[in-house]
Amino acid sequence: MNVLRQIGLHHVLAFRAASLPCRLAPHCGVLTTCLPIER
């Protein structure tokens, strides 16, 4: 992986693993909080 990331493969993997699935989904969201992190 150390060799492959130097030619940019980590960007390709990121696209397949998260960016593309989120792009294709009808709905995406994020849950946020105003509380201290553990609570």
PDB file of all heavy atoms in Angstrom:
ATOM      1  N   MET A   1       0.830  -1.207   0.000  1.00  0.00           N
ATOM      2  CA  MET A   1       0.000   0.000   0.000  1.00  0.00           C
ATOM      3  C   MET A   1       0.862   1.253   0.000  1.00  0.00           C
ATOM      4  O   MET A   1       0.515   2.262  -0.621  1.00  0.00           O
ATOM      5  CB  MET A   1      -0.928  -0.012   1.219  1.00  0.00           C
ATOM      6  CG  MET A   1      -1.996   1.074   1.203  1.00  0.00           C
ATOM      7  SD  MET A   1      -3.209   0.879  -0.117  1.00  0.00           S
ATOM      8  CE  MET A   1      -2.972   2.413  -1.012  1.00  0.00           C
ATOM      9  N   ASN A   2       1.997   1.191   0.662  1.00  0.00           N
ATOM     10  CA  ASN A   2       2.911   2.335   0.727  1.00  0.00           C
ATOM     11  C   ASN A   2       3.424   2.711  -0.655  1.00  0.00           C
ATOM     12  O   ASN A   2       3.618   3.895  -0.966  1.00  0.00           O
ATOM     13  CB  ASN A   2       4.074   2.019   1.664  1.00  0.00           C
ATOM     14  CG  ASN A   2       4.906   3.235   1.976  1.00  0.00           C
ATOM     15  OD1 ASN A   2       4.398   4.360   2.018  1.00  0.00           O
ATOM     16  ND2 ASN A   2       6.193   3.032   2.189  1.00  0.00           N
ATOM     17  N   VAL A   3       3.651   1.715  -1.495  1.00  0.00           N
ATOM     18  CA  VAL A   3       4.086   1.980  -2.867  1.00  0.00           C
ATOM     19  C   VAL A   3       2.922   2.516  -3.697  1.00  0.00           C
ATOM     20  O   VAL A   3       3.054   3.518  -4.410  1.00  0.00           O
ATOM     21  CB  VAL A   3       4.653   0.697  -3.514  1.00  0.00           C
ATOM     22  CG1 VAL A   3       4.932   0.931  -4.998  1.00  0.00           C
ATOM     23  CG2 VAL A   3       5.926   0.266  -2.799  1.00  0.00           C
ATOM     24  N   LEU A   4       1.764   1.886  -3.554  1.00  0.00           N
ATOM     25  CA  LEU A   4       0.618   2.251  -4.387  1.00  0.00           C
ATOM     26  C   LEU A   4       0.081   3.646  -4.062  1.00  0.00           C
ATOM     27  O   LEU A   4      -0.392   4.360  -4.949  1.00  0.00           O
ATOM     28  CB  LEU A   4      -0.484   1.212  -4.215  1.00  0.00           C
ATOM     29  CG  LEU A   4      -0.151  -0.195  -4.722  1.00  0.00           C
ATOM     30  CD1 LEU A   4      -1.284  -1.157  -4.395  1.00  0.00           C
ATOM     31  CD2 LEU A   4       0.129  -0.193  -6.214  1.00  0.00           C
ATOM     32  N   ARG A   5       0.183   4.042  -2.798  1.00  0.00           N
ATOM     33  CA  ARG A   5      -0.333   5.371  -2.450  1.00  0.00           C
ATOM     34  C   ARG A   5       0.510   6.475  -3.075  1.00  0.00           C
ATOM     35  O   ARG A   5       0.008   7.578  -3.334  1.00  0.00           O
ATOM     36  CB  ARG A   5      -0.388   5.541  -0.933  1.00  0.00           C
ATOM     37  CG  ARG A   5       0.976   5.695  -0.268  1.00  0.00           C
ATOM     38  CD  ARG A   5       0.866   5.739   1.241  1.00  0.00           C
ATOM     39  NE  ARG A   5       2.183   5.924   1.852  1.00  0.00           N
ATOM     40  CZ  ARG A   5       2.727   7.114   2.112  1.00  0.00           C
ATOM     41  NH1 ARG A   5       2.054   8.228   1.832  1.00  0.00           N
ATOM     42  NH2 ARG A   5       3.914   7.208   2.670  1.00  0.00           N
ATOM     43  N   GLN A   6       1.768   6.180  -3.352  1.00  0.00           N
ATOM     44  CA  GLN A   6       2.641   7.192  -3.944  1.00  0.00           C
ATOM     45  C   GLN A   6       2.302   7.463  -5.407  1.00  0.00           C
ATOM     46  O   GLN A   6       2.734   8.483  -5.959  1.00  0.00           O
ATOM     47  CB  GLN A   6       4.101   6.767  -3.793  1.00  0.00           C
ATOM     48  CG  GLN A   6       4.530   6.705  -2.328  1.00  0.00           C
ATOM     49  CD  GLN A   6       5.967   6.244  -2.139  1.00  0.00           C
ATOM     50  OE1 GLN A   6       6.870   6.719  -2.834  1.00  0.00           O
ATOM     51  NE2 GLN A   6       6.186   5.330  -1.205  1.00  0.00           N
ATOM     52  N   ILE A   7       1.528   6.586  -6.015  1.00  0.00           N
ATOM     53  CA  ILE A   7       1.058   6.854  -7.379  1.00  0.00           C
ATOM     54  C   ILE A   7      -0.432   7.210  -7.384  1.00  0.00           C
ATOM     55  O   ILE A   7      -1.079   7.224  -8.420  1.00  0.00           O
ATOM     56  CB  ILE A   7       1.335   5.655  -8.317  1.00  0.00           C
ATOM     57  CG1 ILE A   7       0.616   4.387  -7.822  1.00  0.00           C
ATOM     58  CG2 ILE A   7       2.833   5.411  -8.438  1.00  0.00           C
ATOM     59  CD1 ILE A   7       0.727   3.213  -8.794  1.00  0.00           C
ATOM     60  N   GLY A   8      -0.959   7.477  -6.172  1.00  0.00           N
ATOM     61  CA  GLY A   8      -2.314   8.002  -6.066  1.00  0.00           C
ATOM     62  C   GLY A   8      -3.431   7.001  -5.927  1.00  0.00           C
ATOM     63  O   GLY A   8      -4.606   7.375  -6.005  1.00  0.00           O
ATOM     64  N   LEU A   9      -3.112   5.719  -5.687  1.00  0.00           N
ATOM     65  CA  LEU A   9      -4.181   4.726  -5.623  1.00  0.00           C
ATOM     66  C   LEU A   9      -5.123   4.966  -4.447  1.00  0.00           C
ATOM     67  O   LEU A   9      -6.293   4.589  -4.499  1.00  0.00           O
ATOM     68  CB  LEU A   9      -3.588   3.316  -5.523  1.00  0.00           C
ATOM     69  CG  LEU A   9      -4.636   2.190  -5.596  1.00  0.00           C
ATOM     70  CD1 LEU A   9      -5.255   2.140  -6.986  1.00  0.00           C
ATOM     71  CD2 LEU A   9      -4.039   0.845  -5.227  1.00  0.00           C
ATOM     72  N   HIS A  10      -4.625   5.620  -3.385  1.00  0.00           N
ATOM     73  CA  HIS A  10      -5.494   5.852  -2.230  1.00  0.00           C
ATOM     74  C   HIS A  10      -6.693   6.733  -2.595  1.00  0.00           C
ATOM     75  O   HIS A  10      -7.768   6.591  -2.019  1.00  0.00           O
ATOM     76  CB  HIS A  10      -4.713   6.462  -1.061  1.00  0.00           C
ATOM     77  CG  HIS A  10      -3.984   7.726  -1.367  1.00  0.00           C
ATOM     78  ND1 HIS A  10      -3.008   7.805  -2.331  1.00  0.00           N
ATOM     79  CD2 HIS A  10      -4.087   8.979  -0.834  1.00  0.00           C
ATOM     80  CE1 HIS A  10      -2.535   9.045  -2.379  1.00  0.00           C
ATOM     81  NE2 HIS A  10      -3.187   9.774  -1.489  1.00  0.00           N
ATOM     82  N   HIS A  11      -6.535   7.601  -3.579  1.00  0.00           N
ATOM     83  CA  HIS A  11      -7.663   8.423  -4.016  1.00  0.00           C
ATOM     84  C   HIS A  11      -8.698   7.569  -4.769  1.00  0.00           C
ATOM     85  O   HIS A  11      -9.905   7.776  -4.627  1.00  0.00           O
ATOM     86  CB  HIS A  11      -7.171   9.556  -4.911  1.00  0.00           C
ATOM     87  CG  HIS A  11      -6.301  10.541  -4.199  1.00  0.00           C
ATOM     88  ND1 HIS A  11      -6.772  11.344  -3.181  1.00  0.00           N
ATOM     89  CD2 HIS A  11      -4.978  10.841  -4.345  1.00  0.00           C
ATOM     90  CE1 HIS A  11      -5.781  12.109  -2.735  1.00  0.00           C
ATOM     91  NE2 HIS A  11      -4.694  11.822  -3.423  1.00  0.00           N
ATOM     92  N   VAL A  12      -8.210   6.622  -5.562  1.00  0.00           N
ATOM     93  CA  VAL A  12      -9.113   5.709  -6.275  1.00  0.00           C
ATOM     94  C   VAL A  12      -9.891   4.857  -5.271  1.00  0.00           C
ATOM     95  O   VAL A  12     -11.108   4.666  -5.399  1.00  0.00           O
ATOM     96  CB  VAL A  12      -8.323   4.815  -7.247  1.00  0.00           C
ATOM     97  CG1 VAL A  12      -9.249   3.813  -7.932  1.00  0.00           C
ATOM     98  CG2 VAL A  12      -7.585   5.662  -8.268  1.00  0.00           C
ATOM     99  N   LEU A  13      -9.203   4.355  -4.267  1.00  0.00           N
ATOM    100  CA  LEU A  13      -9.856   3.519  -3.258  1.00  0.00           C
ATOM    101  C   LEU A  13     -10.889   4.317  -2.468  1.00  0.00           C
ATOM    102  O   LEU A  13     -11.958   3.803  -2.133  1.00  0.00           O
ATOM    103  CB  LEU A  13      -8.801   2.935  -2.311  1.00  0.00           C
ATOM    104  CG  LEU A  13      -7.816   1.952  -2.958  1.00  0.00           C
ATOM    105  CD1 LEU A  13      -6.703   1.595  -1.981  1.00  0.00           C
ATOM    106  CD2 LEU A  13      -8.536   0.692  -3.423  1.00  0.00           C
ATOM    107  N   ALA A  14     -10.580   5.581  -2.178  1.00  0.00           N
ATOM    108  CA  ALA A  14     -11.520   6.431  -1.454  1.00  0.00           C
ATOM    109  C   ALA A  14     -12.780   6.659  -2.275  1.00  0.00           C
ATOM    110  O   ALA A  14     -13.900   6.664  -1.738  1.00  0.00           O
ATOM    111  CB  ALA A  14     -10.867   7.766  -1.109  1.00  0.00           C
ATOM    112  N   PHE A  15     -12.616   6.834  -3.578  1.00  0.00           N
ATOM    113  CA  PHE A  15     -13.770   7.034  -4.457  1.00  0.00           C
ATOM    114  C   PHE A  15     -14.676   5.807  -4.431  1.00  0.00           C
ATOM    115  O   PHE A  15     -15.896   5.916  -4.275  1.00  0.00           O
ATOM    116  CB  PHE A  15     -13.291   7.316  -5.875  1.00  0.00           C
ATOM    117  CG  PHE A  15     -14.402   7.481  -6.870  1.00  0.00           C
ATOM    118  CD1 PHE A  15     -15.155   8.645  -6.909  1.00  0.00           C
ATOM    119  CD2 PHE A  15     -14.703   6.461  -7.772  1.00  0.00           C
ATOM    120  CE1 PHE A  15     -16.201   8.787  -7.822  1.00  0.00           C
ATOM    121  CE2 PHE A  15     -15.732   6.600  -8.690  1.00  0.00           C
ATOM    122  CZ  PHE A  15     -16.489   7.773  -8.710  1.00  0.00           C
ATOM    123  N   ARG A  16     -14.079   4.617  -4.521  1.00  0.00           N
ATOM    124  CA  ARG A  16     -14.865   3.381  -4.525  1.00  0.00           C
ATOM    125  C   ARG A  16     -15.481   3.092  -3.163  1.00  0.00           C
ATOM    126  O   ARG A  16     -16.638   2.631  -3.070  1.00  0.00           O
ATOM    127  CB  ARG A  16     -13.970   2.220  -4.966  1.00  0.00           C
ATOM    128  CG  ARG A  16     -14.478   0.812  -4.639  1.00  0.00           C
ATOM    129  CD  ARG A  16     -15.841   0.541  -5.249  1.00  0.00           C
ATOM    130  NE  ARG A  16     -16.311  -0.775  -4.842  1.00  0.00           N
ATOM    131  CZ  ARG A  16     -16.924  -1.032  -3.694  1.00  0.00           C
ATOM    132  NH1 ARG A  16     -17.152  -0.058  -2.819  1.00  0.00           N
ATOM    133  NH2 ARG A  16     -17.341  -2.257  -3.406  1.00  0.00           N
ATOM    134  N   ALA A  17     -14.745   3.340  -2.095  1.00  0.00           N
ATOM    135  CA  ALA A  17     -15.189   2.923  -0.768  1.00  0.00           C
ATOM    136  C   ALA A  17     -16.260   3.831  -0.181  1.00  0.00           C
ATOM    137  O   ALA A  17     -17.135   3.361   0.561  1.00  0.00           O
ATOM    138  CB  ALA A  17     -14.000   2.862   0.186  1.00  0.00           C
ATOM    139  N   ALA A  18     -16.218   5.126  -0.469  1.00  0.00           N
ATOM    140  CA  ALA A  18     -17.141   6.039   0.201  1.00  0.00           C
ATOM    141  C   ALA A  18     -17.763   7.075  -0.722  1.00  0.00           C
ATOM    142  O   ALA A  18     -18.975   7.294  -0.691  1.00  0.00           O
ATOM    143  CB  ALA A  18     -16.421   6.745   1.350  1.00  0.00           C
ATOM    144  N   SER A  19     -16.953   7.730  -1.549  1.00  0.00           N
ATOM    145  CA  SER A  19     -17.481   8.822  -2.368  1.00  0.00           C
ATOM    146  C   SER A  19     -18.533   8.337  -3.364  1.00  0.00           C
ATOM    147  O   SER A  19     -19.623   8.915  -3.469  1.00  0.00           O
ATOM    148  CB  SER A  19     -16.334   9.525  -3.109  1.00  0.00           C
ATOM    149  OG  SER A  19     -16.810  10.617  -3.847  1.00  0.00           O
ATOM    150  N   LEU A  20     -18.227   7.286  -4.116  1.00  0.00           N
ATOM    151  CA  LEU A  20     -19.182   6.772  -5.095  1.00  0.00           C
ATOM    152  C   LEU A  20     -20.450   6.238  -4.433  1.00  0.00           C
ATOM    153  O   LEU A  20     -21.566   6.577  -4.863  1.00  0.00           O
ATOM    154  CB  LEU A  20     -18.528   5.701  -5.963  1.00  0.00           C
ATOM    155  CG  LEU A  20     -19.422   5.070  -7.042  1.00  0.00           C
ATOM    156  CD1 LEU A  20     -19.896   6.127  -8.034  1.00  0.00           C
ATOM    157  CD2 LEU A  20     -18.675   3.937  -7.757  1.00  0.00           C
ATOM    158  N   PRO A  21     -20.355   5.400  -3.372  1.00  0.00           N
ATOM    159  CA  PRO A  21     -21.592   4.940  -2.722  1.00  0.00           C
ATOM    160  C   PRO A  21     -22.468   6.080  -2.214  1.00  0.00           C
ATOM    161  O   PRO A  21     -23.698   6.024  -2.337  1.00  0.00           O
ATOM    162  CB  PRO A  21     -21.068   4.079  -1.566  1.00  0.00           C
ATOM    163  CG  PRO A  21     -19.746   3.581  -2.041  1.00  0.00           C
ATOM    164  CD  PRO A  21     -19.166   4.712  -2.822  1.00  0.00           C
ATOM    165  N   CYS A  22     -21.851   7.109  -1.655  1.00  0.00           N
ATOM    166  CA  CYS A  22     -22.650   8.246  -1.172  1.00  0.00           C
ATOM    167  C   CYS A  22     -23.232   9.045  -2.338  1.00  0.00           C
ATOM    168  O   CYS A  22     -24.339   9.574  -2.244  1.00  0.00           O
ATOM    169  CB  CYS A  22     -21.797   9.154  -0.285  1.00  0.00           C
ATOM    170  SG  CYS A  22     -21.441   8.453   1.347  1.00  0.00           S
ATOM    171  N   ARG A  23     -22.498   9.131  -3.435  1.00  0.00           N
ATOM    172  CA  ARG A  23     -22.998   9.853  -4.607  1.00  0.00           C
ATOM    173  C   ARG A  23     -24.246   9.165  -5.179  1.00  0.00           C
ATOM    174  O   ARG A  23     -25.184   9.826  -5.627  1.00  0.00           O
ATOM    175  CB  ARG A  23     -21.906   9.915  -5.675  1.00  0.00           C
ATOM    176  CG  ARG A  23     -22.307  10.674  -6.945  1.00  0.00           C
ATOM    177  CD  ARG A  23     -21.207  10.568  -7.979  1.00  0.00           C
ATOM    178  NE  ARG A  23     -19.982  11.171  -7.522  1.00  0.00           N
ATOM    179  CZ  ARG A  23     -19.683  12.473  -7.653  1.00  0.00           C
ATOM    180  NH1 ARG A  23     -20.547  13.285  -8.235  1.00  0.00           N
ATOM    181  NH2 ARG A  23     -18.536  12.931  -7.217  1.00  0.00           N
ATOM    182  N   LEU A  24     -24.247   7.833  -5.155  1.00  0.00           N
ATOM    183  CA  LEU A  24     -25.328   7.084  -5.793  1.00  0.00           C
ATOM    184  C   LEU A  24     -26.560   6.901  -4.907  1.00  0.00           C
ATOM    185  O   LEU A  24     -27.613   6.513  -5.401  1.00  0.00           O
ATOM    186  CB  LEU A  24     -24.811   5.707  -6.221  1.00  0.00           C
ATOM    187  CG  LEU A  24     -23.711   5.690  -7.288  1.00  0.00           C
ATOM    188  CD1 LEU A  24     -23.212   4.265  -7.504  1.00  0.00           C
ATOM    189  CD2 LEU A  24     -24.221   6.285  -8.594  1.00  0.00           C
ATOM    190  N   ALA A  25     -26.436   7.145  -3.615  1.00  0.00           N
ATOM    191  CA  ALA A  25     -27.543   6.877  -2.694  1.00  0.00           C
ATOM    192  C   ALA A  25     -28.622   7.947  -2.788  1.00  0.00           C
ATOM    193  O   ALA A  25     -28.315   9.139  -2.894  1.00  0.00           O
ATOM    194  CB  ALA A  25     -27.018   6.797  -1.258  1.00  0.00           C
ATOM    195  N   PRO A  26     -29.897   7.560  -2.730  1.00  0.00           N
ATOM    196  CA  PRO A  26     -30.971   8.556  -2.729  1.00  0.00           C
ATOM    197  C   PRO A  26     -30.902   9.518  -1.549  1.00  0.00           C
ATOM    198  O   PRO A  26     -31.250  10.690  -1.674  1.00  0.00           O
ATOM    199  CB  PRO A  26     -32.242   7.706  -2.665  1.00  0.00           C
ATOM    200  CG  PRO A  26     -31.844   6.384  -3.234  1.00  0.00           C
ATOM    201  CD  PRO A  26     -30.424   6.183  -2.803  1.00  0.00           C
ATOM    202  N   HIS A  27     -30.450   9.014  -0.387  1.00  0.00           N
ATOM    203  CA  HIS A  27     -30.407   9.857   0.811  1.00  0.00           C
ATOM    204  C   HIS A  27     -29.072   9.690   1.531  1.00  0.00           C
ATOM    205  O   HIS A  27     -28.573   8.575   1.696  1.00  0.00           O
ATOM    206  CB  HIS A  27     -31.533   9.491   1.779  1.00  0.00           C
ATOM    207  CG  HIS A  27     -32.903   9.622   1.204  1.00  0.00           C
ATOM    208  ND1 HIS A  27     -33.472  10.840   0.906  1.00  0.00           N
ATOM    209  CD2 HIS A  27     -33.814   8.683   0.850  1.00  0.00           C
ATOM    210  CE1 HIS A  27     -34.674  10.645   0.399  1.00  0.00           C
ATOM    211  NE2 HIS A  27     -34.912   9.348   0.349  1.00  0.00           N
ATOM    212  N   CYS A  28     -28.515  10.816   1.963  1.00  0.00           N
ATOM    213  CA  CYS A  28     -27.345  10.827   2.837  1.00  0.00           C
ATOM    214  C   CYS A  28     -27.604  11.816   3.964  1.00  0.00           C
ATOM    215  O   CYS A  28     -28.346  12.797   3.795  1.00  0.00           O
ATOM    216  CB  CYS A  28     -26.084  11.247   2.084  1.00  0.00           C
ATOM    217  SG  CYS A  28     -25.373   9.990   1.008  1.00  0.00           S
ATOM    218  N   GLY A  29     -26.993  11.566   5.095  1.00  0.00           N
ATOM    219  CA  GLY A  29     -27.163  12.481   6.221  1.00  0.00           C
ATOM    220  C   GLY A  29     -25.989  12.394   7.162  1.00  0.00           C
ATOM    221  O   GLY A  29     -25.105  11.542   7.025  1.00  0.00           O
ATOM    222  N   VAL A  30     -25.974  13.306   8.124  1.00  0.00           N
ATOM    223  CA  VAL A  30     -24.968  13.273   9.179  1.00  0.00           C
ATOM    224  C   VAL A  30     -25.657  13.612  10.491  1.00  0.00           C
ATOM    225  O   VAL A  30     -26.535  14.485  10.548  1.00  0.00           O
ATOM    226  CB  VAL A  30     -23.801  14.243   8.898  1.00  0.00           C
ATOM    227  CG1 VAL A  30     -24.283  15.683   8.791  1.00  0.00           C
ATOM    228  CG2 VAL A  30     -22.719  14.121   9.980  1.00  0.00           C
ATOM    229  N   LEU A  31     -25.300  12.904  11.527  1.00  0.00           N
ATOM    230  CA  LEU A  31     -25.772  13.183  12.874  1.00  0.00           C
ATOM    231  C   LEU A  31     -24.692  13.959  13.611  1.00  0.00           C
ATOM    232  O   LEU A  31     -23.528  13.538  13.655  1.00  0.00           O
ATOM    233  CB  LEU A  31     -26.093  11.885  13.607  1.00  0.00           C
ATOM    234  CG  LEU A  31     -27.364  11.169  13.136  1.00  0.00           C
ATOM    235  CD1 LEU A  31     -27.366   9.722  13.605  1.00  0.00           C
ATOM    236  CD2 LEU A  31     -28.610  11.890  13.623  1.00  0.00           C
ATOM    237  N   THR A  32     -25.083  15.098  14.186  1.00  0.00           N
ATOM    238  CA  THR A  32     -24.135  15.950  14.907  1.00  0.00           C
ATOM    239  C   THR A  32     -24.644  16.166  16.328  1.00  0.00           C
ATOM    240  O   THR A  32     -25.799  15.885  16.650  1.00  0.00           O
ATOM    241  CB  THR A  32     -23.975  17.310  14.209  1.00  0.00           C
ATOM    242  OG1 THR A  32     -25.224  18.038  14.269  1.00  0.00           O
ATOM    243  CG2 THR A  32     -23.579  17.136  12.752  1.00  0.00           C
ATOM    244  N   THR A  33     -23.764  16.686  17.182  1.00  0.00           N
ATOM    245  CA  THR A  33     -24.147  16.928  18.569  1.00  0.00           C
ATOM    246  C   THR A  33     -23.557  18.242  19.065  1.00  0.00           C
ATOM    247  O   THR A  33     -22.476  18.647  18.643  1.00  0.00           O
ATOM    248  CB  THR A  33     -23.696  15.772  19.474  1.00  0.00           C
ATOM    249  OG1 THR A  33     -24.160  16.011  20.813  1.00  0.00           O
ATOM    250  CG2 THR A  33     -22.178  15.635  19.503  1.00  0.00           C
ATOM    251  N   CYS A  34     -24.286  18.865  19.982  1.00  0.00           N
ATOM    252  CA  CYS A  34     -23.792  20.050  20.665  1.00  0.00           C
ATOM    253  C   CYS A  34     -23.302  19.715  22.063  1.00  0.00           C
ATOM    254  O   CYS A  34     -22.897  20.598  22.825  1.00  0.00           O
ATOM    255  CB  CYS A  34     -24.891  21.123  20.728  1.00  0.00           C
ATOM    256  SG  CYS A  34     -26.372  20.595  21.631  1.00  0.00           S
ATOM    257  N   LEU A  35     -23.326  18.439  22.423  1.00  0.00           N
ATOM    258  CA  LEU A  35     -22.923  17.989  23.759  1.00  0.00           C
ATOM    259  C   LEU A  35     -21.428  17.684  23.796  1.00  0.00           C
ATOM    260  O   LEU A  35     -20.796  17.501  22.749  1.00  0.00           O
ATOM    261  CB  LEU A  35     -23.705  16.730  24.133  1.00  0.00           C
ATOM    262  CG  LEU A  35     -25.229  16.858  24.168  1.00  0.00           C
ATOM    263  CD1 LEU A  35     -25.864  15.487  24.385  1.00  0.00           C
ATOM    264  CD2 LEU A  35     -25.664  17.826  25.256  1.00  0.00           C
ATOM    265  N   PRO A  36     -20.830  17.592  24.987  1.00  0.00           N
ATOM    266  CA  PRO A  36     -19.455  17.097  25.090  1.00  0.00           C
ATOM    267  C   PRO A  36     -19.344  15.747  24.398  1.00  0.00           C
ATOM    268  O   PRO A  36     -20.304  14.964  24.378  1.00  0.00           O
ATOM    269  CB  PRO A  36     -19.223  16.993  26.598  1.00  0.00           C
ATOM    270  CG  PRO A  36     -20.174  17.991  27.189  1.00  0.00           C
ATOM    271  CD  PRO A  36     -21.391  17.970  26.304  1.00  0.00           C
ATOM    272  N   ILE A  37     -18.166  15.447  23.851  1.00  0.00           N
ATOM    273  CA  ILE A  37     -18.032  14.358  22.896  1.00  0.00           C
ATOM    274  C   ILE A  37     -18.499  13.009  23.432  1.00  0.00           C
ATOM    275  O   ILE A  37     -19.219  12.285  22.737  1.00  0.00           O
ATOM    276  CB  ILE A  37     -16.580  14.264  22.373  1.00  0.00           C
ATOM    277  CG1 ILE A  37     -16.471  13.253  21.247  1.00  0.00           C
ATOM    278  CG2 ILE A  37     -15.615  13.985  23.502  1.00  0.00           C
ATOM    279  CD1 ILE A  37     -17.227  13.606  20.008  1.00  0.00           C
ATOM    280  N   GLU A  38     -18.148  12.636  24.656  1.00  0.00           N
ATOM    281  CA  GLU A  38     -18.537  11.314  25.145  1.00  0.00           C
ATOM    282  C   GLU A  38     -20.051  11.221  25.318  1.00  0.00           C
ATOM    283  O   GLU A  38     -20.673  10.241  24.895  1.00  0.00           O
ATOM    284  CB  GLU A  38     -17.822  10.997  26.464  1.00  0.00           C
ATOM    285  CG  GLU A  38     -16.347  10.692  26.303  1.00  0.00           C
ATOM    286  CD  GLU A  38     -15.757  10.080  27.555  1.00  0.00           C
ATOM    287  OE1 GLU A  38     -16.408  10.153  28.621  1.00  0.00           O
ATOM    288  OE2 GLU A  38     -14.646   9.534  27.469  1.00  0.00           O
ATOM    289  N   ARG A  39     -20.635  12.247  25.927  1.00  0.00           N
ATOM    290  CA  ARG A  39     -22.095  12.229  26.105  1.00  0.00           C
ATOM    291  C   ARG A  39     -22.798  12.367  24.752  1.00  0.00           C
ATOM    292  O   ARG A  39     -23.829  11.734  24.505  1.00  0.00           O
ATOM    293  CB  ARG A  39     -22.494  13.381  27.048  1.00  0.00           C
ATOM    294  CG  ARG A  39     -23.992  13.503  27.268  1.00  0.00           C
ATOM    295  CD  ARG A  39     -24.553  12.297  28.008  1.00  0.00           C
ATOM    296  NE  ARG A  39     -26.005  12.414  28.119  1.00  0.00           N
ATOM    297  CZ  ARG A  39     -26.872  12.045  27.176  1.00  0.00           C
ATOM    298  NH1 ARG A  39     -26.432  11.502  26.041  1.00  0.00           N
ATOM    299  NH2 ARG A  39     -28.161  12.184  27.367  1.00  0.00           N
TER     300      ARG A  39
END
